[in-house]
Amino acid sequence: MPEPTTLHAIVNEPILPLKERMKIDRQTMPEQDAVGRSGNFLEVNLGFTEKMALLEAQRCIQCKEPKCVQGCPVMVNIPRFLDFIVKGDLPGAARSLFGDNALPAITGRVCPQETQCEVQCVRGQKAKPVAIGYLERFVADWARAHSGVVKIEPHGATGKKVAIVGGGPAGLTAAGELVKLGHDVTVYEALHKPGGVLV
């Protein structure tokens, strides 16, 4: 497991004092160029680099009463996972994020953060809000590339069986939460593979 300072070593960037953090502009996500994306079905957005993620996470001022959490439908502890990024602890960020949200790679891409958590961001009152969705996607993609970092530790088996009808995002999220509680879960899906509308 990487040392907490690994991310800072990779990007050669220090943790900035609060006054300097306030001067950081919101990072723009890199995209495929128009000609390239016209000939493929890959994602247009390419995701943050480590340096961009570190800079963007430092824009969070760690509010005492984080309104961004209240704006999140699944109540992700946003300041906590962003603080892990700032400290360079990506495994900690991943564990924090996955502890609150079963599908952060999906929600980091498709949730309307601009009308939920980001609209509540205090930084958005005088500048652009912290790019919470981009950072959620970054951490989830990092965790996928470093398998084994996040492990679901279910509570003791309850002996209860639950059937979930539909393997879309809602069904998979429900199944993940029920497994954490110790229930034996079976997901039923009519199509050839799970994923629902995402497939």
N, C-alpha and C. Protein backbone atom coordinates (compact mmCIF):
# COMPACT_ATOMS: atom_id res chain seq x y z
N MET A 1 0.85 -1.18 0.00
CA MET A 1 0.00 0.00 0.00
C MET A 1 0.89 1.24 0.00
N PRO A 2 0.59 2.25 -0.86
CA PRO A 2 1.46 3.42 -0.95
C PRO A 2 1.49 4.23 0.33
N GLU A 3 2.59 4.90 0.56
CA GLU A 3 2.70 5.81 1.69
C GLU A 3 1.78 7.02 1.42
N PRO A 4 1.28 7.67 2.46
CA PRO A 4 0.38 8.79 2.26
C PRO A 4 0.96 9.92 1.42
N THR A 5 2.27 10.06 1.35
CA THR A 5 2.86 11.15 0.58
C THR A 5 3.13 10.77 -0.87
N THR A 6 2.78 9.58 -1.28
CA THR A 6 3.09 9.11 -2.63
C THR A 6 2.57 10.06 -3.71
N LEU A 7 1.32 10.50 -3.60
CA LEU A 7 0.74 11.36 -4.62
C LEU A 7 1.54 12.65 -4.75
N HIS A 8 1.96 13.22 -3.63
CA HIS A 8 2.76 14.45 -3.69
C HIS A 8 4.11 14.19 -4.34
N ALA A 9 4.67 13.03 -4.09
CA ALA A 9 5.95 12.70 -4.72
C ALA A 9 5.78 12.53 -6.22
N ILE A 10 4.67 11.92 -6.64
CA ILE A 10 4.43 11.69 -8.07
C ILE A 10 4.32 13.01 -8.81
N VAL A 11 3.56 13.94 -8.26
CA VAL A 11 3.30 15.19 -8.97
C VAL A 11 4.21 16.33 -8.55
N ASN A 12 5.05 16.09 -7.54
CA ASN A 12 6.00 17.09 -7.07
C ASN A 12 5.31 18.39 -6.69
N GLU A 13 4.20 18.28 -5.97
CA GLU A 13 3.43 19.45 -5.54
C GLU A 13 3.27 19.41 -4.02
N PRO A 14 3.52 20.51 -3.33
CA PRO A 14 3.32 20.55 -1.87
C PRO A 14 1.85 20.78 -1.52
N ILE A 15 1.49 20.50 -0.26
CA ILE A 15 0.18 20.91 0.23
C ILE A 15 0.27 22.40 0.49
N LEU A 16 -0.65 23.15 -0.07
CA LEU A 16 -0.61 24.60 0.03
C LEU A 16 -1.37 25.10 1.26
N PRO A 17 -0.94 26.23 1.82
CA PRO A 17 -1.72 26.85 2.91
C PRO A 17 -3.05 27.35 2.36
N LEU A 18 -4.03 27.54 3.24
CA LEU A 18 -5.39 27.90 2.84
C LEU A 18 -5.43 29.14 1.93
N LYS A 19 -4.66 30.15 2.27
CA LYS A 19 -4.67 31.37 1.46
C LYS A 19 -4.26 31.09 0.01
N GLU A 20 -3.28 30.21 -0.17
CA GLU A 20 -2.84 29.85 -1.53
C GLU A 20 -3.87 28.95 -2.22
N ARG A 21 -4.54 28.11 -1.44
CA ARG A 21 -5.56 27.24 -2.02
C ARG A 21 -6.69 28.04 -2.65
N MET A 22 -7.00 29.17 -2.04
CA MET A 22 -8.09 30.01 -2.55
C MET A 22 -7.78 30.58 -3.93
N LYS A 23 -6.52 30.60 -4.31
CA LYS A 23 -6.12 31.15 -5.60
C LYS A 23 -6.14 30.11 -6.72
N ILE A 24 -6.33 28.83 -6.38
CA ILE A 24 -6.32 27.77 -7.40
C ILE A 24 -7.61 27.83 -8.21
N ASP A 25 -7.48 27.88 -9.52
CA ASP A 25 -8.64 27.84 -10.41
C ASP A 25 -9.16 26.41 -10.53
N ARG A 26 -10.45 26.29 -10.78
CA ARG A 26 -11.04 24.96 -11.00
C ARG A 26 -10.35 24.31 -12.20
N GLN A 27 -10.00 23.05 -12.03
CA GLN A 27 -9.32 22.30 -13.08
C GLN A 27 -10.32 21.88 -14.16
N THR A 28 -9.92 21.98 -15.40
CA THR A 28 -10.76 21.58 -16.53
C THR A 28 -10.40 20.16 -16.93
N MET A 29 -11.41 19.32 -17.03
CA MET A 29 -11.16 17.93 -17.40
C MET A 29 -10.71 17.84 -18.86
N PRO A 30 -9.60 17.12 -19.12
CA PRO A 30 -9.17 16.93 -20.50
C PRO A 30 -10.20 16.10 -21.28
N GLU A 31 -10.32 16.39 -22.57
CA GLU A 31 -11.26 15.68 -23.43
C GLU A 31 -10.57 15.21 -24.70
N GLN A 32 -11.17 14.19 -25.32
CA GLN A 32 -10.72 13.81 -26.66
C GLN A 32 -10.98 14.99 -27.60
N ASP A 33 -10.11 15.17 -28.59
CA ASP A 33 -10.39 16.23 -29.55
C ASP A 33 -11.58 15.80 -30.42
N ALA A 34 -12.24 16.79 -31.02
CA ALA A 34 -13.48 16.53 -31.77
C ALA A 34 -13.27 15.55 -32.91
N VAL A 35 -12.16 15.65 -33.62
CA VAL A 35 -11.92 14.75 -34.75
C VAL A 35 -11.75 13.31 -34.26
N GLY A 36 -10.99 13.15 -33.19
CA GLY A 36 -10.78 11.81 -32.65
C GLY A 36 -12.05 11.16 -32.14
N ARG A 37 -12.84 11.93 -31.42
CA ARG A 37 -14.05 11.33 -30.82
C ARG A 37 -15.15 11.11 -31.85
N SER A 38 -15.06 11.75 -33.01
CA SER A 38 -16.08 11.52 -34.03
C SER A 38 -15.95 10.13 -34.65
N GLY A 39 -14.81 9.48 -34.43
CA GLY A 39 -14.60 8.17 -35.01
C GLY A 39 -14.55 7.03 -34.01
N ASN A 40 -14.99 7.26 -32.76
CA ASN A 40 -14.99 6.17 -31.78
C ASN A 40 -16.14 6.33 -30.79
N PHE A 41 -16.32 5.34 -29.97
CA PHE A 41 -17.37 5.38 -28.95
C PHE A 41 -16.78 5.41 -27.55
N LEU A 42 -15.54 5.88 -27.43
CA LEU A 42 -14.89 6.00 -26.12
C LEU A 42 -15.42 7.24 -25.40
N GLU A 43 -15.17 7.31 -24.11
CA GLU A 43 -15.61 8.48 -23.36
C GLU A 43 -14.96 9.75 -23.91
N VAL A 44 -15.74 10.80 -23.94
CA VAL A 44 -15.22 12.09 -24.37
C VAL A 44 -14.27 12.63 -23.30
N ASN A 45 -14.72 12.63 -22.05
CA ASN A 45 -13.88 13.09 -20.95
C ASN A 45 -12.82 12.05 -20.62
N LEU A 46 -11.59 12.49 -20.44
CA LEU A 46 -10.47 11.57 -20.22
C LEU A 46 -10.12 11.37 -18.75
N GLY A 47 -10.68 12.18 -17.86
CA GLY A 47 -10.37 12.05 -16.44
C GLY A 47 -9.21 12.94 -16.03
N PHE A 48 -9.14 13.19 -14.73
CA PHE A 48 -8.06 14.01 -14.17
C PHE A 48 -6.75 13.23 -14.12
N THR A 49 -5.65 13.95 -14.26
CA THR A 49 -4.35 13.40 -13.94
C THR A 49 -4.18 13.50 -12.42
N GLU A 50 -3.13 12.88 -11.89
CA GLU A 50 -2.87 12.97 -10.45
C GLU A 50 -2.66 14.42 -10.02
N LYS A 51 -1.91 15.17 -10.80
CA LYS A 51 -1.63 16.57 -10.45
C LYS A 51 -2.91 17.39 -10.43
N MET A 52 -3.77 17.20 -11.43
CA MET A 52 -5.04 17.93 -11.48
C MET A 52 -5.92 17.58 -10.29
N ALA A 53 -5.97 16.30 -9.95
CA ALA A 53 -6.79 15.87 -8.80
C ALA A 53 -6.28 16.49 -7.51
N LEU A 54 -4.99 16.51 -7.33
CA LEU A 54 -4.41 17.09 -6.12
C LEU A 54 -4.71 18.59 -6.03
N LEU A 55 -4.54 19.30 -7.13
CA LEU A 55 -4.84 20.73 -7.13
C LEU A 55 -6.32 20.99 -6.86
N GLU A 56 -7.19 20.23 -7.52
CA GLU A 56 -8.63 20.44 -7.35
C GLU A 56 -9.07 20.11 -5.93
N ALA A 57 -8.56 19.03 -5.37
CA ALA A 57 -8.93 18.65 -4.00
C ALA A 57 -8.50 19.73 -3.00
N GLN A 58 -7.39 20.40 -3.29
CA GLN A 58 -6.91 21.45 -2.38
C GLN A 58 -7.80 22.69 -2.41
N ARG A 59 -8.68 22.77 -3.40
CA ARG A 59 -9.61 23.90 -3.45
C ARG A 59 -10.68 23.79 -2.37
N CYS A 60 -10.90 22.57 -1.84
CA CYS A 60 -11.88 22.38 -0.77
C CYS A 60 -11.34 23.03 0.51
N ILE A 61 -12.16 23.85 1.15
CA ILE A 61 -11.71 24.56 2.35
C ILE A 61 -12.14 23.86 3.64
N GLN A 62 -12.67 22.65 3.52
CA GLN A 62 -13.04 21.83 4.69
C GLN A 62 -13.97 22.59 5.63
N CYS A 63 -15.12 22.99 5.13
CA CYS A 63 -16.12 23.72 5.91
C CYS A 63 -16.49 22.95 7.18
N LYS A 64 -16.77 23.69 8.24
CA LYS A 64 -17.19 23.05 9.50
C LYS A 64 -18.55 22.39 9.33
N GLU A 65 -19.42 23.00 8.55
CA GLU A 65 -20.73 22.42 8.25
C GLU A 65 -20.84 22.28 6.74
N PRO A 66 -20.33 21.17 6.19
CA PRO A 66 -20.27 21.02 4.73
C PRO A 66 -21.64 20.86 4.08
N LYS A 67 -22.08 21.90 3.41
CA LYS A 67 -23.37 21.88 2.72
C LYS A 67 -23.34 20.92 1.53
N CYS A 68 -22.15 20.66 0.99
CA CYS A 68 -22.05 19.76 -0.16
C CYS A 68 -22.57 18.37 0.19
N VAL A 69 -22.34 17.92 1.42
CA VAL A 69 -22.82 16.60 1.85
C VAL A 69 -24.34 16.59 1.87
N GLN A 70 -24.93 17.68 2.34
CA GLN A 70 -26.39 17.77 2.37
C GLN A 70 -26.97 17.76 0.96
N GLY A 71 -26.22 18.25 -0.01
CA GLY A 71 -26.69 18.26 -1.40
C GLY A 71 -26.52 16.94 -2.11
N CYS A 72 -25.83 15.99 -1.49
CA CYS A 72 -25.58 14.69 -2.11
C CYS A 72 -26.71 13.71 -1.75
N PRO A 73 -27.40 13.13 -2.73
CA PRO A 73 -28.51 12.22 -2.43
C PRO A 73 -28.10 10.99 -1.61
N VAL A 74 -26.84 10.56 -1.71
CA VAL A 74 -26.40 9.39 -0.94
C VAL A 74 -25.51 9.79 0.24
N MET A 75 -25.44 11.10 0.52
CA MET A 75 -24.72 11.62 1.70
C MET A 75 -23.25 11.20 1.76
N VAL A 76 -22.57 11.25 0.63
CA VAL A 76 -21.14 10.97 0.61
C VAL A 76 -20.44 12.01 1.47
N ASN A 77 -19.50 11.57 2.32
CA ASN A 77 -18.73 12.50 3.14
C ASN A 77 -17.64 13.10 2.24
N ILE A 78 -18.02 14.11 1.50
CA ILE A 78 -17.16 14.71 0.48
C ILE A 78 -15.89 15.31 1.08
N PRO A 79 -15.97 16.14 2.13
CA PRO A 79 -14.73 16.70 2.68
C PRO A 79 -13.73 15.63 3.12
N ARG A 80 -14.23 14.50 3.65
CA ARG A 80 -13.34 13.46 4.14
C ARG A 80 -12.55 12.84 2.98
N PHE A 81 -13.24 12.45 1.89
CA PHE A 81 -12.48 11.81 0.81
C PHE A 81 -11.59 12.81 0.09
N LEU A 82 -11.99 14.10 0.05
CA LEU A 82 -11.12 15.11 -0.55
C LEU A 82 -9.89 15.35 0.31
N ASP A 83 -10.04 15.32 1.62
CA ASP A 83 -8.91 15.49 2.51
C ASP A 83 -7.89 14.36 2.34
N PHE A 84 -8.37 13.15 2.13
CA PHE A 84 -7.45 12.04 1.86
C PHE A 84 -6.65 12.31 0.58
N ILE A 85 -7.31 12.86 -0.44
CA ILE A 85 -6.58 13.18 -1.68
C ILE A 85 -5.52 14.22 -1.40
N VAL A 86 -5.89 15.27 -0.67
CA VAL A 86 -4.95 16.35 -0.34
C VAL A 86 -3.74 15.79 0.38
N LYS A 87 -3.96 14.84 1.27
CA LYS A 87 -2.86 14.24 2.02
C LYS A 87 -2.07 13.24 1.19
N GLY A 88 -2.53 12.97 -0.04
CA GLY A 88 -1.84 12.02 -0.91
C GLY A 88 -2.20 10.58 -0.64
N ASP A 89 -3.22 10.35 0.16
CA ASP A 89 -3.61 8.99 0.57
C ASP A 89 -4.78 8.51 -0.30
N LEU A 90 -4.46 8.03 -1.50
CA LEU A 90 -5.51 7.57 -2.41
C LEU A 90 -6.21 6.31 -1.92
N PRO A 91 -5.50 5.36 -1.28
CA PRO A 91 -6.24 4.22 -0.71
C PRO A 91 -7.27 4.67 0.33
N GLY A 92 -6.90 5.62 1.17
CA GLY A 92 -7.83 6.15 2.16
C GLY A 92 -9.01 6.85 1.50
N ALA A 93 -8.74 7.62 0.44
CA ALA A 93 -9.81 8.29 -0.30
C ALA A 93 -10.77 7.27 -0.90
N ALA A 94 -10.21 6.19 -1.45
CA ALA A 94 -11.05 5.15 -2.06
C ALA A 94 -11.91 4.45 -1.01
N ARG A 95 -11.31 4.10 0.12
CA ARG A 95 -12.08 3.43 1.17
C ARG A 95 -13.19 4.34 1.71
N SER A 96 -12.88 5.61 1.87
CA SER A 96 -13.88 6.56 2.34
C SER A 96 -15.03 6.67 1.35
N LEU A 97 -14.70 6.84 0.09
CA LEU A 97 -15.71 7.02 -0.94
C LEU A 97 -16.58 5.77 -1.10
N PHE A 98 -15.94 4.61 -1.21
CA PHE A 98 -16.70 3.37 -1.40
C PHE A 98 -17.50 3.00 -0.14
N GLY A 99 -17.08 3.49 1.01
CA GLY A 99 -17.85 3.25 2.22
C GLY A 99 -19.20 3.96 2.19
N ASP A 100 -19.28 5.06 1.44
CA ASP A 100 -20.51 5.84 1.34
C ASP A 100 -21.30 5.57 0.07
N ASN A 101 -20.64 5.10 -0.98
CA ASN A 101 -21.27 5.01 -2.30
C ASN A 101 -20.79 3.74 -3.00
N ALA A 102 -21.71 2.86 -3.34
CA ALA A 102 -21.34 1.59 -3.95
C ALA A 102 -20.84 1.74 -5.39
N LEU A 103 -21.24 2.80 -6.09
CA LEU A 103 -20.90 2.95 -7.51
C LEU A 103 -20.32 4.33 -7.83
N PRO A 104 -19.22 4.72 -7.19
CA PRO A 104 -18.71 6.08 -7.42
C PRO A 104 -18.17 6.33 -8.83
N ALA A 105 -17.72 5.29 -9.53
CA ALA A 105 -17.25 5.50 -10.90
C ALA A 105 -18.42 5.89 -11.80
N ILE A 106 -19.60 5.42 -11.46
CA ILE A 106 -20.79 5.76 -12.25
C ILE A 106 -21.30 7.13 -11.83
N THR A 107 -21.49 7.33 -10.53
CA THR A 107 -22.04 8.61 -10.08
C THR A 107 -21.07 9.76 -10.39
N GLY A 108 -19.78 9.48 -10.39
CA GLY A 108 -18.81 10.51 -10.74
C GLY A 108 -18.91 10.94 -12.19
N ARG A 109 -19.56 10.09 -13.01
CA ARG A 109 -19.72 10.40 -14.42
C ARG A 109 -21.12 10.93 -14.76
N VAL A 110 -22.15 10.39 -14.12
CA VAL A 110 -23.51 10.70 -14.58
C VAL A 110 -24.36 11.51 -13.61
N CYS A 111 -23.97 11.62 -12.35
CA CYS A 111 -24.77 12.42 -11.42
C CYS A 111 -24.73 13.90 -11.83
N PRO A 112 -25.84 14.60 -11.69
CA PRO A 112 -25.82 16.04 -11.98
C PRO A 112 -25.27 16.82 -10.79
N GLN A 113 -23.96 16.70 -10.56
CA GLN A 113 -23.35 17.36 -9.40
C GLN A 113 -23.60 18.87 -9.40
N GLU A 114 -23.68 19.45 -10.59
CA GLU A 114 -23.85 20.90 -10.67
C GLU A 114 -25.17 21.37 -10.05
N THR A 115 -26.14 20.47 -9.88
CA THR A 115 -27.41 20.84 -9.25
C THR A 115 -27.58 20.17 -7.88
N GLN A 116 -26.58 19.43 -7.43
CA GLN A 116 -26.68 18.74 -6.15
C GLN A 116 -25.56 19.19 -5.21
N CYS A 117 -24.48 18.43 -5.13
CA CYS A 117 -23.42 18.76 -4.17
C CYS A 117 -22.67 20.03 -4.54
N GLU A 118 -22.34 20.20 -5.82
CA GLU A 118 -21.51 21.34 -6.21
C GLU A 118 -22.24 22.67 -6.07
N VAL A 119 -23.56 22.67 -6.26
CA VAL A 119 -24.30 23.92 -6.12
C VAL A 119 -24.29 24.39 -4.66
N GLN A 120 -24.05 23.47 -3.73
CA GLN A 120 -23.99 23.80 -2.31
C GLN A 120 -22.59 24.22 -1.86
N CYS A 121 -21.58 24.01 -2.70
CA CYS A 121 -20.19 24.28 -2.33
C CYS A 121 -19.98 25.77 -2.02
N VAL A 122 -19.40 26.05 -0.86
CA VAL A 122 -19.15 27.42 -0.44
C VAL A 122 -18.22 28.14 -1.42
N ARG A 123 -17.28 27.43 -2.01
CA ARG A 123 -16.37 28.05 -2.98
C ARG A 123 -17.14 28.63 -4.16
N GLY A 124 -18.31 28.06 -4.45
CA GLY A 124 -19.11 28.50 -5.58
C GLY A 124 -19.75 29.87 -5.39
N GLN A 125 -19.68 30.42 -4.18
CA GLN A 125 -20.28 31.74 -3.94
C GLN A 125 -19.46 32.86 -4.58
N LYS A 126 -18.13 32.68 -4.65
CA LYS A 126 -17.27 33.73 -5.21
C LYS A 126 -16.47 33.27 -6.42
N ALA A 127 -16.48 31.97 -6.67
CA ALA A 127 -15.75 31.41 -7.81
C ALA A 127 -16.47 30.13 -8.22
N LYS A 128 -15.82 29.31 -8.99
CA LYS A 128 -16.43 28.04 -9.39
C LYS A 128 -16.32 27.05 -8.23
N PRO A 129 -17.34 26.19 -8.05
CA PRO A 129 -17.29 25.21 -6.96
C PRO A 129 -16.22 24.16 -7.21
N VAL A 130 -15.89 23.43 -6.16
CA VAL A 130 -14.95 22.31 -6.29
C VAL A 130 -15.57 21.28 -7.22
N ALA A 131 -14.77 20.70 -8.10
CA ALA A 131 -15.24 19.71 -9.07
C ALA A 131 -15.38 18.34 -8.38
N ILE A 132 -16.40 18.21 -7.56
CA ILE A 132 -16.59 17.01 -6.75
C ILE A 132 -16.78 15.78 -7.61
N GLY A 133 -17.59 15.88 -8.64
CA GLY A 133 -17.84 14.72 -9.51
C GLY A 133 -16.57 14.25 -10.21
N TYR A 134 -15.76 15.17 -10.69
CA TYR A 134 -14.51 14.80 -11.35
C TYR A 134 -13.58 14.08 -10.38
N LEU A 135 -13.55 14.54 -9.13
CA LEU A 135 -12.69 13.91 -8.13
C LEU A 135 -13.22 12.55 -7.71
N GLU A 136 -14.54 12.43 -7.65
CA GLU A 136 -15.15 11.12 -7.35
C GLU A 136 -14.77 10.12 -8.43
N ARG A 137 -14.88 10.54 -9.68
CA ARG A 137 -14.50 9.67 -10.81
C ARG A 137 -13.02 9.32 -10.73
N PHE A 138 -12.16 10.29 -10.44
CA PHE A 138 -10.73 10.05 -10.35
C PHE A 138 -10.41 8.97 -9.32
N VAL A 139 -10.98 9.11 -8.12
CA VAL A 139 -10.70 8.14 -7.05
C VAL A 139 -11.23 6.76 -7.41
N ALA A 140 -12.44 6.70 -7.96
CA ALA A 140 -13.03 5.41 -8.33
C ALA A 140 -12.21 4.72 -9.42
N ASP A 141 -11.76 5.49 -10.41
CA ASP A 141 -10.94 4.91 -11.48
C ASP A 141 -9.59 4.46 -10.94
N TRP A 142 -9.02 5.23 -10.01
CA TRP A 142 -7.75 4.84 -9.38
C TRP A 142 -7.93 3.52 -8.63
N ALA A 143 -9.03 3.41 -7.90
CA ALA A 143 -9.29 2.18 -7.12
C ALA A 143 -9.45 0.97 -8.05
N ARG A 144 -10.12 1.17 -9.19
CA ARG A 144 -10.30 0.07 -10.15
C ARG A 144 -8.94 -0.37 -10.70
N ALA A 145 -8.06 0.57 -10.94
CA ALA A 145 -6.73 0.24 -11.46
C ALA A 145 -5.83 -0.39 -10.40
N HIS A 146 -6.19 -0.25 -9.14
CA HIS A 146 -5.41 -0.81 -8.03
C HIS A 146 -6.31 -1.77 -7.24
N SER A 147 -6.72 -2.83 -7.91
CA SER A 147 -7.67 -3.77 -7.30
C SER A 147 -7.15 -4.30 -5.97
N GLY A 148 -8.07 -4.54 -5.07
CA GLY A 148 -7.73 -5.03 -3.75
C GLY A 148 -7.59 -3.95 -2.70
N VAL A 149 -7.57 -2.67 -3.13
CA VAL A 149 -7.44 -1.57 -2.17
C VAL A 149 -8.71 -1.45 -1.34
N VAL A 150 -9.86 -1.60 -2.00
CA VAL A 150 -11.14 -1.48 -1.31
C VAL A 150 -11.74 -2.87 -1.15
N LYS A 151 -11.99 -3.24 0.08
CA LYS A 151 -12.59 -4.54 0.37
C LYS A 151 -13.87 -4.30 1.16
N ILE A 152 -14.95 -4.96 0.72
CA ILE A 152 -16.20 -4.86 1.45
C ILE A 152 -16.16 -5.89 2.57
N GLU A 153 -16.28 -5.41 3.78
CA GLU A 153 -16.27 -6.29 4.95
C GLU A 153 -17.70 -6.41 5.47
N PRO A 154 -18.42 -7.48 5.08
CA PRO A 154 -19.79 -7.61 5.55
C PRO A 154 -19.84 -7.91 7.04
N HIS A 155 -20.94 -7.50 7.65
CA HIS A 155 -21.20 -7.87 9.04
C HIS A 155 -21.43 -9.38 9.06
N GLY A 156 -21.58 -9.96 10.23
CA GLY A 156 -21.85 -11.38 10.33
C GLY A 156 -23.10 -11.76 9.53
N ALA A 157 -23.11 -12.97 9.00
CA ALA A 157 -24.24 -13.44 8.20
C ALA A 157 -25.52 -13.41 9.02
N THR A 158 -26.57 -12.86 8.41
CA THR A 158 -27.86 -12.76 9.09
C THR A 158 -28.72 -13.99 8.85
N GLY A 159 -28.38 -14.78 7.81
CA GLY A 159 -29.21 -15.92 7.45
C GLY A 159 -30.40 -15.53 6.58
N LYS A 160 -30.56 -14.24 6.31
CA LYS A 160 -31.68 -13.78 5.49
C LYS A 160 -31.27 -13.76 4.02
N LYS A 161 -32.22 -14.12 3.15
CA LYS A 161 -31.99 -14.11 1.71
C LYS A 161 -32.83 -13.00 1.09
N VAL A 162 -32.24 -12.29 0.15
CA VAL A 162 -32.93 -11.19 -0.51
C VAL A 162 -32.79 -11.36 -2.01
N ALA A 163 -33.88 -11.18 -2.74
CA ALA A 163 -33.86 -11.19 -4.20
C ALA A 163 -33.98 -9.76 -4.69
N ILE A 164 -33.09 -9.38 -5.59
CA ILE A 164 -33.15 -8.06 -6.23
C ILE A 164 -33.54 -8.29 -7.68
N VAL A 165 -34.62 -7.65 -8.11
CA VAL A 165 -35.07 -7.79 -9.49
C VAL A 165 -34.56 -6.59 -10.27
N GLY A 166 -33.63 -6.86 -11.18
CA GLY A 166 -33.05 -5.82 -12.01
C GLY A 166 -31.63 -5.52 -11.61
N GLY A 167 -30.72 -5.66 -12.57
CA GLY A 167 -29.30 -5.44 -12.31
C GLY A 167 -28.81 -4.11 -12.81
N GLY A 168 -29.66 -3.09 -12.76
CA GLY A 168 -29.23 -1.74 -13.11
C GLY A 168 -28.55 -1.08 -11.94
N PRO A 169 -28.24 0.21 -12.04
CA PRO A 169 -27.55 0.91 -10.95
C PRO A 169 -28.26 0.81 -9.61
N ALA A 170 -29.58 0.97 -9.60
CA ALA A 170 -30.31 0.92 -8.33
C ALA A 170 -30.26 -0.48 -7.72
N GLY A 171 -30.48 -1.51 -8.57
CA GLY A 171 -30.44 -2.88 -8.07
C GLY A 171 -29.06 -3.27 -7.56
N LEU A 172 -28.02 -2.88 -8.29
CA LEU A 172 -26.66 -3.21 -7.87
C LEU A 172 -26.28 -2.48 -6.59
N THR A 173 -26.72 -1.24 -6.46
CA THR A 173 -26.44 -0.49 -5.23
C THR A 173 -27.15 -1.14 -4.05
N ALA A 174 -28.41 -1.47 -4.24
CA ALA A 174 -29.17 -2.13 -3.16
C ALA A 174 -28.51 -3.44 -2.77
N ALA A 175 -28.08 -4.23 -3.78
CA ALA A 175 -27.42 -5.51 -3.49
C ALA A 175 -26.14 -5.29 -2.69
N GLY A 176 -25.33 -4.30 -3.08
CA GLY A 176 -24.09 -4.03 -2.37
C GLY A 176 -24.33 -3.64 -0.92
N GLU A 177 -25.34 -2.80 -0.68
CA GLU A 177 -25.63 -2.38 0.69
C GLU A 177 -26.15 -3.54 1.52
N LEU A 178 -26.97 -4.41 0.91
CA LEU A 178 -27.51 -5.56 1.65
C LEU A 178 -26.42 -6.59 1.97
N VAL A 179 -25.46 -6.77 1.06
CA VAL A 179 -24.34 -7.68 1.32
C VAL A 179 -23.52 -7.16 2.51
N LYS A 180 -23.30 -5.84 2.55
CA LYS A 180 -22.56 -5.25 3.68
C LYS A 180 -23.25 -5.56 5.01
N LEU A 181 -24.58 -5.64 4.98
CA LEU A 181 -25.34 -5.93 6.20
C LEU A 181 -25.34 -7.40 6.56
N GLY A 182 -24.78 -8.25 5.67
CA GLY A 182 -24.67 -9.67 5.97
C GLY A 182 -25.74 -10.54 5.35
N HIS A 183 -26.56 -9.98 4.48
CA HIS A 183 -27.63 -10.77 3.85
C HIS A 183 -27.10 -11.52 2.63
N ASP A 184 -27.71 -12.63 2.31
CA ASP A 184 -27.39 -13.42 1.12
C ASP A 184 -28.24 -12.86 -0.02
N VAL A 185 -27.61 -12.26 -1.03
CA VAL A 185 -28.34 -11.54 -2.07
C VAL A 185 -28.19 -12.23 -3.43
N THR A 186 -29.30 -12.34 -4.15
CA THR A 186 -29.29 -12.80 -5.53
C THR A 186 -29.91 -11.71 -6.39
N VAL A 187 -29.19 -11.34 -7.47
CA VAL A 187 -29.68 -10.32 -8.39
C VAL A 187 -30.21 -11.02 -9.63
N TYR A 188 -31.44 -10.71 -10.02
CA TYR A 188 -32.05 -11.27 -11.22
C TYR A 188 -32.09 -10.19 -12.30
N GLU A 189 -31.58 -10.54 -13.46
CA GLU A 189 -31.52 -9.59 -14.57
C GLU A 189 -32.02 -10.28 -15.84
N ALA A 190 -32.93 -9.66 -16.56
CA ALA A 190 -33.52 -10.25 -17.76
C ALA A 190 -32.55 -10.23 -18.95
N LEU A 191 -31.64 -9.27 -18.97
CA LEU A 191 -30.72 -9.15 -20.10
C LEU A 191 -29.49 -10.02 -19.89
N HIS A 192 -28.61 -10.04 -20.89
CA HIS A 192 -27.43 -10.92 -20.84
C HIS A 192 -26.37 -10.50 -19.86
N LYS A 193 -26.34 -9.21 -19.51
CA LYS A 193 -25.38 -8.74 -18.52
C LYS A 193 -25.98 -7.62 -17.69
N PRO A 194 -25.48 -7.46 -16.46
CA PRO A 194 -26.02 -6.40 -15.61
C PRO A 194 -25.56 -5.03 -16.06
N GLY A 195 -26.19 -4.01 -15.51
CA GLY A 195 -25.81 -2.64 -15.82
C GLY A 195 -26.98 -1.77 -16.20
N GLY A 196 -28.07 -2.39 -16.65
CA GLY A 196 -29.27 -1.64 -17.01
C GLY A 196 -29.01 -0.59 -18.07
N VAL A 197 -29.52 0.62 -17.86
CA VAL A 197 -29.39 1.68 -18.85
C VAL A 197 -27.94 2.04 -19.13
N LEU A 198 -27.04 1.75 -18.20
CA LEU A 198 -25.63 2.10 -18.41
C LEU A 198 -25.01 1.26 -19.52
N VAL A 199 -25.50 0.02 -19.67
CA VAL A 199 -24.98 -0.85 -20.74
C VAL A 199 -25.50 -0.36 -22.07
